């Protein structure tokens, strides 16, 4: 039961983090645009078309993370109540693939701080939890 609890807590926290990241990127994409334009391509402030395009891309990233985080929490709740194997595989796939976008962005801009470290820690926890829970056939 401890492996199941670890799985539920880790993936629940990770999906809540996806929702938070998605909301921040959706509501204020300039945080990501400024970091990206100062670290990667040095886009001047006068290039409004390029900056608005980047802003739209980061809003899309935020929207996708928001939707996938909500989907992950809904599937996690369903797995908690039903213990269906296909739901477990869906949770693991959705959550881990969703974390790749923010992690790749952080590594691209070279900005690894406290929040980025938390993302890497959650990703590692999800990987460890997924490996331990998929090794056992019976979860009850």
Protein backbone atom coordinates (compact mmCIF):
# COMPACT_ATOMS: atom_id res chain seq x y z
CA UNK A 1 0.00 0.00 0.00
CA UNK A 2 2.95 2.34 0.52
CA UNK A 3 3.88 2.09 -3.16
CA UNK A 4 0.33 3.00 -4.14
CA UNK A 5 0.31 5.95 -1.73
CA UNK A 6 3.66 7.14 -3.07
CA UNK A 7 2.31 6.86 -6.62
CA UNK A 8 -0.86 8.83 -5.82
CA UNK A 9 0.97 11.57 -3.90
CA UNK A 10 3.77 11.94 -6.45
CA UNK A 11 1.55 12.06 -9.51
CA UNK A 12 -1.04 14.22 -7.73
CA UNK A 13 1.62 16.77 -6.79
CA UNK A 14 3.15 16.64 -10.26
CA UNK A 15 -0.20 17.24 -11.98
CA UNK A 16 -1.01 20.08 -9.58
CA UNK A 17 2.37 21.54 -10.55
CA UNK A 18 1.46 21.23 -14.22
CA UNK A 19 -1.76 23.11 -13.56
CA UNK A 20 0.13 25.87 -11.75
CA UNK A 21 2.75 26.11 -14.50
CA UNK A 22 0.02 26.17 -17.12
CA UNK A 23 -1.87 28.96 -15.36
CA UNK A 24 1.26 31.07 -14.98
CA UNK A 25 2.27 30.57 -18.62
CA UNK A 26 -1.28 31.20 -19.83
CA UNK A 27 -1.92 34.33 -17.80
CA UNK A 28 1.51 35.95 -18.01
CA UNK A 29 3.58 34.50 -20.86
CA UNK A 30 5.92 37.51 -20.75
CA UNK A 31 7.81 35.80 -17.93
CA UNK A 32 8.79 33.04 -20.33
CA UNK A 33 9.20 35.36 -23.32
CA UNK A 34 11.65 37.62 -21.47
CA UNK A 35 13.72 34.70 -20.26
CA UNK A 36 13.74 33.09 -23.71
CA UNK A 37 14.53 36.29 -25.61
CA UNK A 38 17.32 37.30 -23.27
CA UNK A 39 18.97 33.88 -23.03
CA UNK A 40 18.44 32.14 -26.36
CA UNK A 41 17.78 34.45 -29.32
CA UNK A 42 18.22 38.00 -27.96
CA UNK A 43 15.08 39.30 -29.65
CA UNK A 44 14.99 43.12 -29.46
CA UNK A 45 12.02 44.79 -27.80
CA UNK A 46 11.14 46.50 -31.11
CA UNK A 47 10.41 43.17 -32.83
CA UNK A 48 6.79 43.16 -31.75
CA UNK A 49 5.66 40.52 -34.24
CA UNK A 50 8.26 38.04 -33.04
CA UNK A 51 7.51 38.79 -29.40
CA UNK A 52 3.77 38.39 -29.87
CA UNK A 53 4.36 35.11 -31.71
CA UNK A 54 6.51 33.83 -28.84
CA UNK A 55 3.88 34.99 -26.39
CA UNK A 56 1.23 33.02 -28.28
CA UNK A 57 3.45 29.92 -28.30
CA UNK A 58 4.03 30.14 -24.56
CA UNK A 59 0.31 30.66 -23.95
CA UNK A 60 -0.31 27.51 -25.96
CA UNK A 61 2.26 25.66 -23.85
CA UNK A 62 0.48 26.92 -20.74
CA UNK A 63 -2.93 25.91 -22.04
CA UNK A 64 -1.72 22.40 -22.92
CA UNK A 65 -0.10 21.96 -19.50
CA UNK A 66 -3.27 23.19 -17.80
CA UNK A 67 -5.47 20.75 -19.72
CA UNK A 68 -3.07 17.84 -19.27
CA UNK A 69 -2.67 18.55 -15.55
CA UNK A 70 -6.44 18.58 -15.05
CA UNK A 71 -6.75 15.40 -17.12
CA UNK A 72 -4.02 13.77 -15.04
CA UNK A 73 -5.80 14.62 -11.78
CA UNK A 74 -9.11 13.30 -13.08
CA UNK A 75 -7.48 10.06 -14.20
CA UNK A 76 -5.65 9.81 -10.89
CA UNK A 77 -8.95 10.10 -9.04
CA UNK A 78 -10.43 7.41 -11.27
CA UNK A 79 -7.44 5.14 -10.68
CA UNK A 80 -7.76 5.67 -6.93
CA UNK A 81 -11.37 4.52 -7.02
CA UNK A 82 -11.25 1.76 -9.70
CA UNK A 83 -7.60 0.58 -9.97
CA UNK A 84 -7.94 -0.05 -13.70
CA UNK A 85 -4.58 -0.80 -15.38
CA UNK A 86 -5.23 1.33 -18.48
CA UNK A 87 -5.81 4.36 -16.26
CA UNK A 88 -2.46 3.82 -14.54
CA UNK A 89 -0.67 3.68 -17.88
CA UNK A 90 -2.51 6.83 -19.04
CA UNK A 91 -1.56 8.74 -15.90
CA UNK A 92 2.09 7.80 -16.21
CA UNK A 93 2.22 8.65 -19.93
CA UNK A 94 0.35 11.95 -19.74
CA UNK A 95 2.16 13.24 -16.68
CA UNK A 96 5.68 12.34 -17.71
CA UNK A 97 5.29 13.56 -21.29
CA UNK A 98 3.72 16.80 -20.06
CA UNK A 99 6.71 17.54 -17.86
CA UNK A 100 9.10 17.31 -20.78
CA UNK A 101 7.96 20.68 -22.23
CA UNK A 102 8.76 22.75 -19.12
CA UNK A 103 11.97 20.82 -18.46
CA UNK A 104 13.20 21.30 -22.04
CA UNK A 105 12.37 25.03 -21.83
CA UNK A 106 14.32 25.38 -18.58
CA UNK A 107 17.33 23.57 -20.00
CA UNK A 108 17.17 25.58 -23.25
CA UNK A 109 17.30 28.94 -21.51
CA UNK A 110 19.85 27.70 -19.00
CA UNK A 111 17.84 28.95 -16.06
CA UNK A 112 17.86 26.27 -13.38
CA UNK A 113 16.67 27.74 -10.09
CA UNK A 114 14.53 26.56 -7.19
CA UNK A 115 11.34 26.05 -9.22
CA UNK A 116 13.19 24.27 -11.99
CA UNK A 117 14.88 22.03 -9.43
CA UNK A 118 11.43 21.16 -8.04
CA UNK A 119 10.28 20.20 -11.56
CA UNK A 120 13.29 17.93 -12.00
CA UNK A 121 12.72 16.43 -8.55
CA UNK A 122 9.04 15.75 -9.32
CA UNK A 123 9.96 14.21 -12.66
CA UNK A 124 12.46 11.92 -10.92
CA UNK A 125 9.87 11.02 -8.29
CA UNK A 126 7.34 10.20 -11.00
CA UNK A 127 9.88 8.02 -12.79
CA UNK A 128 10.75 6.17 -9.59
CA UNK A 129 7.11 5.79 -8.62
CA UNK A 130 6.13 4.57 -12.09
CA UNK A 131 8.90 1.99 -12.06
CA UNK A 132 7.98 0.66 -8.64
CA UNK A 133 4.22 0.48 -9.18
CA UNK A 134 4.36 -1.13 -12.61
CA UNK A 135 6.48 -4.00 -11.32
CA UNK A 136 3.56 -5.44 -9.37
CA UNK A 137 0.43 -6.91 -10.91
CA UNK A 138 -1.85 -6.65 -7.90
CA UNK A 139 -2.35 -3.22 -6.27
CA UNK A 140 -4.94 -4.10 -3.63
